[in-house]
Amino acid sequence: ASAARAERAGFTVVDDMARLVADSALLLSIVPPGEAVAL
């Protein structure tokens, strides 16, 4: 379901986290509150 939402929204999927971090000016954490610290 998350993958489908990302596709519909036009996101670019980057599963290499080092590359995702390096390519981004901002990183928005939007997860259930119980997962915020762990992320």
Full PDB file with SEQRES, HELIX, SHEET, SSBOND, CRYST1, ORIGX, SCALE, CONECT and MASTER records, all heavy atoms in Angstrom:
SEQRES   1 A   39  ALA SER ALA ALA ARG ALA GLU ARG ALA GLY PHE THR VAL          
SEQRES   2 A   39  VAL ASP ASP MET ALA ARG LEU VAL ALA ASP SER ALA LEU          
SEQRES   3 A   39  LEU LEU SER ILE VAL PRO PRO GLY GLU ALA VAL ALA LEU          
HELIX    1 AA1 SER A    2  ALA A    9  1                                   8    
HELIX    2 AA2 MET A   17  ASP A   23  1                                   7    
HELIX    3 AA3 PRO A   33  GLU A   35  5                                   3    
CRYST1    1.000    1.000    1.000  90.00  90.00  90.00 P 1           1          
ORIGX1      1.000000  0.000000  0.000000        0.00000                         
ORIGX2      0.000000  1.000000  0.000000        0.00000                         
ORIGX3      0.000000  0.000000  1.000000        0.00000                         
SCALE1      1.000000  0.000000  0.000000        0.00000                         
SCALE2      0.000000  1.000000  0.000000        0.00000                         
SCALE3      0.000000  0.000000  1.000000        0.00000                         
ATOM      1  N   ALA A   1       0.837  -1.208   0.000  1.00  0.00           N  
ATOM      2  CA  ALA A   1       0.000   0.000   0.000  1.00  0.00           C  
ATOM      3  C   ALA A   1       0.869   1.253   0.000  1.00  0.00           C  
ATOM      4  O   ALA A   1       0.573   2.229  -0.698  1.00  0.00           O  
ATOM      5  CB  ALA A   1      -0.932  -0.003   1.212  1.00  0.00           C  
ATOM      6  N   SER A   2       1.962   1.233   0.772  1.00  0.00           N  
ATOM      7  CA  SER A   2       2.888   2.371   0.780  1.00  0.00           C  
ATOM      8  C   SER A   2       3.530   2.556  -0.581  1.00  0.00           C  
ATOM      9  O   SER A   2       3.678   3.689  -1.070  1.00  0.00           O  
ATOM     10  CB  SER A   2       3.973   2.172   1.839  1.00  0.00           C  
ATOM     11  OG  SER A   2       3.439   2.249   3.133  1.00  0.00           O  
ATOM     12  N   ALA A   3       3.915   1.452  -1.202  1.00  0.00           N  
ATOM     13  CA  ALA A   3       4.522   1.529  -2.533  1.00  0.00           C  
ATOM     14  C   ALA A   3       3.543   2.122  -3.540  1.00  0.00           C  
ATOM     15  O   ALA A   3       3.929   2.952  -4.381  1.00  0.00           O  
ATOM     16  CB  ALA A   3       4.980   0.144  -2.980  1.00  0.00           C  
ATOM     17  N   ALA A   4       2.286   1.726  -3.457  1.00  0.00           N  
ATOM     18  CA  ALA A   4       1.276   2.246  -4.378  1.00  0.00           C  
ATOM     19  C   ALA A   4       1.063   3.737  -4.146  1.00  0.00           C  
ATOM     20  O   ALA A   4       0.921   4.515  -5.103  1.00  0.00           O  
ATOM     21  CB  ALA A   4      -0.037   1.479  -4.199  1.00  0.00           C  
ATOM     22  N   ARG A   5       1.036   4.161  -2.881  1.00  0.00           N  
ATOM     23  CA  ARG A   5       0.868   5.591  -2.582  1.00  0.00           C  
ATOM     24  C   ARG A   5       2.048   6.396  -3.122  1.00  0.00           C  
ATOM     25  O   ARG A   5       1.871   7.486  -3.681  1.00  0.00           O  
ATOM     26  CB  ARG A   5       0.712   5.807  -1.076  1.00  0.00           C  
ATOM     27  CG  ARG A   5      -0.671   5.503  -0.538  1.00  0.00           C  
ATOM     28  CD  ARG A   5      -0.828   5.972   0.892  1.00  0.00           C  
ATOM     29  NE  ARG A   5       0.003   5.212   1.815  1.00  0.00           N  
ATOM     30  CZ  ARG A   5      -0.411   4.163   2.518  1.00  0.00           C  
ATOM     31  NH1 ARG A   5      -1.668   3.768   2.405  1.00  0.00           N  
ATOM     32  NH2 ARG A   5       0.406   3.532   3.336  1.00  0.00           N  
ATOM     33  N   ALA A   6       3.257   5.865  -2.954  1.00  0.00           N  
ATOM     34  CA  ALA A   6       4.440   6.568  -3.449  1.00  0.00           C  
ATOM     35  C   ALA A   6       4.399   6.717  -4.960  1.00  0.00           C  
ATOM     36  O   ALA A   6       4.754   7.769  -5.509  1.00  0.00           O  
ATOM     37  CB  ALA A   6       5.701   5.814  -3.021  1.00  0.00           C  
ATOM     38  N   GLU A   7       3.947   5.679  -5.645  1.00  0.00           N  
ATOM     39  CA  GLU A   7       3.864   5.739  -7.108  1.00  0.00           C  
ATOM     40  C   GLU A   7       2.824   6.768  -7.554  1.00  0.00           C  
ATOM     41  O   GLU A   7       3.084   7.572  -8.453  1.00  0.00           O  
ATOM     42  CB  GLU A   7       3.517   4.361  -7.657  1.00  0.00           C  
ATOM     43  CG  GLU A   7       3.466   4.322  -9.184  1.00  0.00           C  
ATOM     44  CD  GLU A   7       3.187   2.936  -9.732  1.00  0.00           C  
ATOM     45  OE1 GLU A   7       2.994   1.991  -8.928  1.00  0.00           O  
ATOM     46  OE2 GLU A   7       3.153   2.788 -10.960  1.00  0.00           O  
ATOM     47  N   ARG A   8       1.665   6.738  -6.906  1.00  0.00           N  
ATOM     48  CA  ARG A   8       0.607   7.690  -7.283  1.00  0.00           C  
ATOM     49  C   ARG A   8       1.041   9.133  -7.027  1.00  0.00           C  
ATOM     50  O   ARG A   8       0.661  10.044  -7.765  1.00  0.00           O  
ATOM     51  CB  ARG A   8      -0.674   7.389  -6.503  1.00  0.00           C  
ATOM     52  CG  ARG A   8      -1.407   6.119  -6.945  1.00  0.00           C  
ATOM     53  CD  ARG A   8      -2.815   6.085  -6.388  1.00  0.00           C  
ATOM     54  NE  ARG A   8      -2.848   6.101  -4.939  1.00  0.00           N  
ATOM     55  CZ  ARG A   8      -2.831   5.021  -4.166  1.00  0.00           C  
ATOM     56  NH1 ARG A   8      -2.776   3.816  -4.728  1.00  0.00           N  
ATOM     57  NH2 ARG A   8      -2.884   5.123  -2.848  1.00  0.00           N  
ATOM     58  N   ALA A   9       1.826   9.333  -5.978  1.00  0.00           N  
ATOM     59  CA  ALA A   9       2.255  10.687  -5.626  1.00  0.00           C  
ATOM     60  C   ALA A   9       3.444  11.164  -6.452  1.00  0.00           C  
ATOM     61  O   ALA A   9       3.833  12.329  -6.362  1.00  0.00           O  
ATOM     62  CB  ALA A   9       2.607  10.747  -4.138  1.00  0.00           C  
ATOM     63  N   GLY A  10       4.025  10.268  -7.257  1.00  0.00           N  
ATOM     64  CA  GLY A  10       5.148  10.659  -8.104  1.00  0.00           C  
ATOM     65  C   GLY A  10       6.479  10.716  -7.386  1.00  0.00           C  
ATOM     66  O   GLY A  10       7.379  11.459  -7.799  1.00  0.00           O  
ATOM     67  N   PHE A  11       6.646   9.932  -6.321  1.00  0.00           N  
ATOM     68  CA  PHE A  11       7.909   9.914  -5.593  1.00  0.00           C  
ATOM     69  C   PHE A  11       8.976   9.148  -6.383  1.00  0.00           C  
ATOM     70  O   PHE A  11       8.670   8.221  -7.126  1.00  0.00           O  
ATOM     71  CB  PHE A  11       7.754   9.214  -4.241  1.00  0.00           C  
ATOM     72  CG  PHE A  11       6.939   9.975  -3.223  1.00  0.00           C  
ATOM     73  CD1 PHE A  11       6.224  11.110  -3.553  1.00  0.00           C  
ATOM     74  CD2 PHE A  11       6.889   9.533  -1.913  1.00  0.00           C  
ATOM     75  CE1 PHE A  11       5.476  11.790  -2.605  1.00  0.00           C  
ATOM     76  CE2 PHE A  11       6.152  10.197  -0.953  1.00  0.00           C  
ATOM     77  CZ  PHE A  11       5.437  11.332  -1.299  1.00  0.00           C  
ATOM     78  N   THR A  12      10.219   9.509  -6.161  1.00  0.00           N  
ATOM     79  CA  THR A  12      11.355   8.742  -6.664  1.00  0.00           C  
ATOM     80  C   THR A  12      11.827   7.832  -5.539  1.00  0.00           C  
ATOM     81  O   THR A  12      12.148   8.309  -4.439  1.00  0.00           O  
ATOM     82  CB  THR A  12      12.503   9.666  -7.096  1.00  0.00           C  
ATOM     83  OG1 THR A  12      12.051  10.504  -8.169  1.00  0.00           O  
ATOM     84  CG2 THR A  12      13.706   8.860  -7.562  1.00  0.00           C  
ATOM     85  N   VAL A  13      11.842   6.538  -5.781  1.00  0.00           N  
ATOM     86  CA  VAL A  13      12.211   5.572  -4.748  1.00  0.00           C  
ATOM     87  C   VAL A  13      13.720   5.383  -4.739  1.00  0.00           C  
ATOM     88  O   VAL A  13      14.319   5.045  -5.763  1.00  0.00           O  
ATOM     89  CB  VAL A  13      11.494   4.220  -4.973  1.00  0.00           C  
ATOM     90  CG1 VAL A  13      11.938   3.197  -3.923  1.00  0.00           C  
ATOM     91  CG2 VAL A  13       9.983   4.419  -4.931  1.00  0.00           C  
ATOM     92  N   VAL A  14      14.342   5.605  -3.578  1.00  0.00           N  
ATOM     93  CA  VAL A  14      15.786   5.445  -3.401  1.00  0.00           C  
ATOM     94  C   VAL A  14      15.992   4.618  -2.138  1.00  0.00           C  
ATOM     95  O   VAL A  14      15.891   5.139  -1.027  1.00  0.00           O  
ATOM     96  CB  VAL A  14      16.494   6.814  -3.257  1.00  0.00           C  
ATOM     97  CG1 VAL A  14      18.003   6.616  -3.099  1.00  0.00           C  
ATOM     98  CG2 VAL A  14      16.189   7.712  -4.445  1.00  0.00           C  
ATOM     99  N   ASP A  15      16.266   3.331  -2.304  1.00  0.00           N  
ATOM    100  CA  ASP A  15      16.403   2.481  -1.129  1.00  0.00           C  
ATOM    101  C   ASP A  15      17.823   2.437  -0.568  1.00  0.00           C  
ATOM    102  O   ASP A  15      18.064   1.819   0.467  1.00  0.00           O  
ATOM    103  CB  ASP A  15      15.908   1.062  -1.440  1.00  0.00           C  
ATOM    104  CG  ASP A  15      14.374   0.993  -1.406  1.00  0.00           C  
ATOM    105  OD1 ASP A  15      13.780   1.754  -0.619  1.00  0.00           O  
ATOM    106  OD2 ASP A  15      13.795   0.211  -2.162  1.00  0.00           O  
ATOM    107  N   ASP A  16      18.765   3.104  -1.232  1.00  0.00           N  
ATOM    108  CA  ASP A  16      20.103   3.292  -0.662  1.00  0.00           C  
ATOM    109  C   ASP A  16      20.027   4.535   0.233  1.00  0.00           C  
ATOM    110  O   ASP A  16      19.989   5.670  -0.259  1.00  0.00           O  
ATOM    111  CB  ASP A  16      21.121   3.497  -1.788  1.00  0.00           C  
ATOM    112  CG  ASP A  16      22.537   3.729  -1.272  1.00  0.00           C  
ATOM    113  OD1 ASP A  16      22.693   4.022  -0.073  1.00  0.00           O  
ATOM    114  OD2 ASP A  16      23.480   3.629  -2.071  1.00  0.00           O  
ATOM    115  N   MET A  17      19.987   4.332   1.560  1.00  0.00           N  
ATOM    116  CA  MET A  17      19.752   5.456   2.466  1.00  0.00           C  
ATOM    117  C   MET A  17      20.873   6.490   2.408  1.00  0.00           C  
ATOM    118  O   MET A  17      20.624   7.680   2.563  1.00  0.00           O  
ATOM    119  CB  MET A  17      19.576   4.941   3.893  1.00  0.00           C  
ATOM    120  CG  MET A  17      18.331   4.080   4.096  1.00  0.00           C  
ATOM    121  SD  MET A  17      16.800   4.935   3.576  1.00  0.00           S  
ATOM    122  CE  MET A  17      16.743   6.267   4.750  1.00  0.00           C  
ATOM    123  N   ALA A  18      22.099   6.053   2.163  1.00  0.00           N  
ATOM    124  CA  ALA A  18      23.203   7.009   2.067  1.00  0.00           C  
ATOM    125  C   ALA A  18      22.980   7.953   0.893  1.00  0.00           C  
ATOM    126  O   ALA A  18      23.216   9.168   0.995  1.00  0.00           O  
ATOM    127  CB  ALA A  18      24.529   6.264   1.928  1.00  0.00           C  
ATOM    128  N   ARG A  19      22.526   7.403  -0.221  1.00  0.00           N  
ATOM    129  CA  ARG A  19      22.260   8.250  -1.391  1.00  0.00           C  
ATOM    130  C   ARG A  19      21.059   9.140  -1.156  1.00  0.00           C  
ATOM    131  O   ARG A  19      21.047  10.329  -1.526  1.00  0.00           O  
ATOM    132  CB  ARG A  19      22.032   7.367  -2.614  1.00  0.00           C  
ATOM    133  CG  ARG A  19      21.913   8.171  -3.903  1.00  0.00           C  
ATOM    134  CD  ARG A  19      21.728   7.308  -5.124  1.00  0.00           C  
ATOM    135  NE  ARG A  19      20.700   7.873  -5.981  1.00  0.00           N  
ATOM    136  CZ  ARG A  19      19.764   7.182  -6.588  1.00  0.00           C  
ATOM    137  NH1 ARG A  19      19.689   5.874  -6.437  1.00  0.00           N  
ATOM    138  NH2 ARG A  19      18.877   7.769  -7.356  1.00  0.00           N  
ATOM    139  N   LEU A  20      20.026   8.607  -0.531  1.00  0.00           N  
ATOM    140  CA  LEU A  20      18.833   9.411  -0.249  1.00  0.00           C  
ATOM    141  C   LEU A  20      19.201  10.609   0.612  1.00  0.00           C  
ATOM    142  O   LEU A  20      18.779  11.733   0.349  1.00  0.00           O  
ATOM    143  CB  LEU A  20      17.783   8.538   0.443  1.00  0.00           C  
ATOM    144  CG  LEU A  20      16.450   9.210   0.795  1.00  0.00           C  
ATOM    145  CD1 LEU A  20      15.290   8.230   0.620  1.00  0.00           C  
ATOM    146  CD2 LEU A  20      16.449   9.729   2.235  1.00  0.00           C  
ATOM    147  N   VAL A  21      19.998  10.386   1.645  1.00  0.00           N  
ATOM    148  CA  VAL A  21      20.420  11.472   2.535  1.00  0.00           C  
ATOM    149  C   VAL A  21      21.275  12.480   1.781  1.00  0.00           C  
ATOM    150  O   VAL A  21      21.085  13.702   1.884  1.00  0.00           O  
ATOM    151  CB  VAL A  21      21.198  10.881   3.740  1.00  0.00           C  
ATOM    152  CG1 VAL A  21      21.990  11.968   4.461  1.00  0.00           C  
ATOM    153  CG2 VAL A  21      20.236  10.204   4.703  1.00  0.00           C  
ATOM    154  N   ALA A  22      22.221  11.998   0.990  1.00  0.00           N  
ATOM    155  CA  ALA A  22      23.142  12.890   0.283  1.00  0.00           C  
ATOM    156  C   ALA A  22      22.433  13.756  -0.748  1.00  0.00           C  
ATOM    157  O   ALA A  22      22.858  14.891  -1.016  1.00  0.00           O  
ATOM    158  CB  ALA A  22      24.242  12.073  -0.389  1.00  0.00           C  
ATOM    159  N   ASP A  23      21.351  13.244  -1.325  1.00  0.00           N  
ATOM    160  CA  ASP A  23      20.671  13.966  -2.400  1.00  0.00           C  
ATOM    161  C   ASP A  23      19.597  14.926  -1.895  1.00  0.00           C  
ATOM    162  O   ASP A  23      19.003  15.663  -2.691  1.00  0.00           O  
ATOM    163  CB  ASP A  23      20.008  12.970  -3.366  1.00  0.00           C  
ATOM    164  CG  ASP A  23      21.021  12.238  -4.230  1.00  0.00           C  
ATOM    165  OD1 ASP A  23      22.213  12.596  -4.168  1.00  0.00           O  
ATOM    166  OD2 ASP A  23      20.618  11.304  -4.949  1.00  0.00           O  
ATOM    167  N   SER A  24      19.318  14.945  -0.579  1.00  0.00           N  
ATOM    168  CA  SER A  24      18.184  15.711  -0.056  1.00  0.00           C  
ATOM    169  C   SER A  24      18.635  16.939   0.730  1.00  0.00           C  
ATOM    170  O   SER A  24      19.602  16.888   1.494  1.00  0.00           O  
ATOM    171  CB  SER A  24      17.331  14.826   0.862  1.00  0.00           C  
ATOM    172  OG  SER A  24      16.886  13.672   0.174  1.00  0.00           O  
ATOM    173  N   ALA A  25      17.911  18.022   0.548  1.00  0.00           N  
ATOM    174  CA  ALA A  25      18.143  19.223   1.353  1.00  0.00           C  
ATOM    175  C   ALA A  25      17.368  19.157   2.665  1.00  0.00           C  
ATOM    176  O   ALA A  25      17.812  19.682   3.690  1.00  0.00           O  
ATOM    177  CB  ALA A  25      17.730  20.466   0.570  1.00  0.00           C  
ATOM    178  N   LEU A  26      16.207  18.522   2.616  1.00  0.00           N  
ATOM    179  CA  LEU A  26      15.369  18.343   3.804  1.00  0.00           C  
ATOM    180  C   LEU A  26      14.968  16.882   3.896  1.00  0.00           C  
ATOM    181  O   LEU A  26      14.734  16.229   2.870  1.00  0.00           O  
ATOM    182  CB  LEU A  26      14.093  19.198   3.727  1.00  0.00           C  
ATOM    183  CG  LEU A  26      14.226  20.713   3.642  1.00  0.00           C  
ATOM    184  CD1 LEU A  26      12.858  21.327   3.386  1.00  0.00           C  
ATOM    185  CD2 LEU A  26      14.831  21.280   4.917  1.00  0.00           C  
ATOM    186  N   LEU A  27      14.848  16.371   5.112  1.00  0.00           N  
ATOM    187  CA  LEU A  27      14.326  15.025   5.333  1.00  0.00           C  
ATOM    188  C   LEU A  27      13.165  15.132   6.308  1.00  0.00           C  
ATOM    189  O   LEU A  27      13.355  15.546   7.455  1.00  0.00           O  
ATOM    190  CB  LEU A  27      15.414  14.098   5.878  1.00  0.00           C  
ATOM    191  CG  LEU A  27      15.079  12.604   5.908  1.00  0.00           C  
ATOM    192  CD1 LEU A  27      16.370  11.777   5.889  1.00  0.00           C  
ATOM    193  CD2 LEU A  27      14.239  12.216   7.113  1.00  0.00           C  
ATOM    194  N   LEU A  28      11.978  14.806   5.827  1.00  0.00           N  
ATOM    195  CA  LEU A  28      10.772  14.891   6.648  1.00  0.00           C  
ATOM    196  C   LEU A  28      10.429  13.508   7.190  1.00  0.00           C  
ATOM    197  O   LEU A  28      10.184  12.574   6.427  1.00  0.00           O  
ATOM    198  CB  LEU A  28       9.586  15.422   5.830  1.00  0.00           C  
ATOM    199  CG  LEU A  28       9.426  16.949   5.722  1.00  0.00           C  
ATOM    200  CD1 LEU A  28      10.682  17.603   5.163  1.00  0.00           C  
ATOM    201  CD2 LEU A  28       8.213  17.290   4.852  1.00  0.00           C  
ATOM    202  N   SER A  29      10.425  13.385   8.504  1.00  0.00           N  
ATOM    203  CA  SER A  29      10.006  12.148   9.164  1.00  0.00           C  
ATOM    204  C   SER A  29       8.512  12.252   9.446  1.00  0.00           C  
ATOM    205  O   SER A  29       8.083  13.081  10.257  1.00  0.00           O  
ATOM    206  CB  SER A  29      10.780  11.959  10.475  1.00  0.00           C  
ATOM    207  OG  SER A  29      10.176  10.947  11.264  1.00  0.00           O  
ATOM    208  N   ILE A  30       7.714  11.412   8.753  1.00  0.00           N  
ATOM    209  CA  ILE A  30       6.257  11.414   8.927  1.00  0.00           C  
ATOM    210  C   ILE A  30       5.843   9.960   9.122  1.00  0.00           C  
ATOM    211  O   ILE A  30       5.513   9.246   8.172  1.00  0.00           O  
ATOM    212  CB  ILE A  30       5.531  12.057   7.731  1.00  0.00           C  
ATOM    213  CG1 ILE A  30       6.098  13.454   7.441  1.00  0.00           C  
ATOM    214  CG2 ILE A  30       4.028  12.141   8.007  1.00  0.00           C  
ATOM    215  CD1 ILE A  30       5.447  14.160   6.256  1.00  0.00           C  
ATOM    216  N   VAL A  31       5.899   9.501  10.360  1.00  0.00           N  
ATOM    217  CA  VAL A  31       5.616   8.110  10.701  1.00  0.00           C  
ATOM    218  C   VAL A  31       4.693   8.092  11.923  1.00  0.00           C  
ATOM    219  O   VAL A  31       4.491   9.125  12.567  1.00  0.00           O  
ATOM    220  CB  VAL A  31       6.918   7.338  11.001  1.00  0.00           C  
ATOM    221  CG1 VAL A  31       7.800   7.251   9.764  1.00  0.00           C  
ATOM    222  CG2 VAL A  31       7.691   7.975  12.159  1.00  0.00           C  
ATOM    223  N   PRO A  32       4.105   6.945  12.264  1.00  0.00           N  
ATOM    224  CA  PRO A  32       3.346   6.867  13.513  1.00  0.00           C  
ATOM    225  C   PRO A  32       4.222   7.303  14.681  1.00  0.00           C  
ATOM    226  O   PRO A  32       5.438   7.016  14.697  1.00  0.00           O  
ATOM    227  CB  PRO A  32       2.962   5.388  13.598  1.00  0.00           C  
ATOM    228  CG  PRO A  32       2.922   4.937  12.171  1.00  0.00           C  
ATOM    229  CD  PRO A  32       4.036   5.688  11.499  1.00  0.00           C  
ATOM    230  N   PRO A  33       3.669   7.997  15.672  1.00  0.00           N  
ATOM    231  CA  PRO A  33       4.500   8.568  16.742  1.00  0.00           C  
ATOM    232  C   PRO A  33       5.345   7.556  17.487  1.00  0.00           C  
ATOM    233  O   PRO A  33       6.451   7.878  17.933  1.00  0.00           O  
ATOM    234  CB  PRO A  33       3.482   9.246  17.670  1.00  0.00           C  
ATOM    235  CG  PRO A  33       2.141   8.732  17.260  1.00  0.00           C  
ATOM    236  CD  PRO A  33       2.255   8.368  15.819  1.00  0.00           C  
ATOM    237  N   GLY A  34       4.862   6.330  17.590  1.00  0.00           N  
ATOM    238  CA  GLY A  34       5.635   5.309  18.274  1.00  0.00           C  
ATOM    239  C   GLY A  34       6.896   4.902  17.545  1.00  0.00           C  
ATOM    240  O   GLY A  34       7.763   4.227  18.118  1.00  0.00           O  
ATOM    241  N   GLU A  35       7.033   5.297  16.272  1.00  0.00           N  
ATOM    242  CA  GLU A  35       8.195   4.933  15.463  1.00  0.00           C  
ATOM    243  C   GLU A  35       9.183   6.084  15.287  1.00  0.00           C  
ATOM    244  O   GLU A  35      10.235   5.917  14.670  1.00  0.00           O  
ATOM    245  CB  GLU A  35       7.732   4.463  14.075  1.00  0.00           C  
ATOM    246  CG  GLU A  35       6.823   3.251  14.094  1.00  0.00           C  
ATOM    247  CD  GLU A  35       6.304   2.894  12.711  1.00  0.00           C  
ATOM    248  OE1 GLU A  35       6.882   3.375  11.713  1.00  0.00           O  
ATOM    249  OE2 GLU A  35       5.317   2.142  12.624  1.00  0.00           O  
ATOM    250  N   ALA A  36       8.861   7.255  15.820  1.00  0.00           N  
ATOM    251  CA  ALA A  36       9.648   8.452  15.524  1.00  0.00           C  
ATOM    252  C   ALA A  36      11.072   8.366  16.055  1.00  0.00           C  
ATOM    253  O   ALA A  36      12.040   8.687  15.351  1.00  0.00           O  
ATOM    254  CB  ALA A  36       8.948   9.691  16.095  1.00  0.00           C  
ATOM    255  N   VAL A  37      11.244   7.934  17.312  1.00  0.00           N  
ATOM    256  CA  VAL A  37      12.587   7.843  17.885  1.00  0.00           C  
ATOM    257  C   VAL A  37      13.403   6.767  17.183  1.00  0.00           C  
ATOM    258  O   VAL A  37      14.582   6.971  16.854  1.00  0.00           O  
ATOM    259  CB  VAL A  37      12.516   7.568  19.400  1.00  0.00           C  
ATOM    260  CG1 VAL A  37      13.912   7.307  19.964  1.00  0.00           C  
ATOM    261  CG2 VAL A  37      11.868   8.741  20.131  1.00  0.00           C  
ATOM    262  N   ALA A  38      12.783   5.623  16.935  1.00  0.00           N  
ATOM    263  CA  ALA A  38      13.494   4.520  16.279  1.00  0.00           C  
ATOM    264  C   ALA A  38      13.991   4.918  14.894  1.00  0.00           C  
ATOM    265  O   ALA A  38      15.091   4.529  14.485  1.00  0.00           O  
ATOM    266  CB  ALA A  38      12.590   3.296  16.186  1.00  0.00           C  
ATOM    267  N   LEU A  39      13.201   5.699  14.159  1.00  0.00           N  
ATOM    268  CA  LEU A  39      13.627   6.134  12.835  1.00  0.00           C  
ATOM    269  C   LEU A  39      14.847   7.046  12.949  1.00  0.00           C  
ATOM    270  O   LEU A  39      15.822   6.896  12.192  1.00  0.00           O  
ATOM    271  CB  LEU A  39      12.496   6.862  12.118  1.00  0.00           C  
ATOM    272  CG  LEU A  39      12.851   7.452  10.752  1.00  0.00           C  
ATOM    273  CD1 LEU A  39      13.263   6.349   9.778  1.00  0.00           C  
ATOM    274  CD2 LEU A  39      11.675   8.253  10.179  1.00  0.00           C  
TER     275      LEU A  39                                                      
MASTER        0    0    0    3    0    0    0    6  274    1    0    3          
END                                                                             
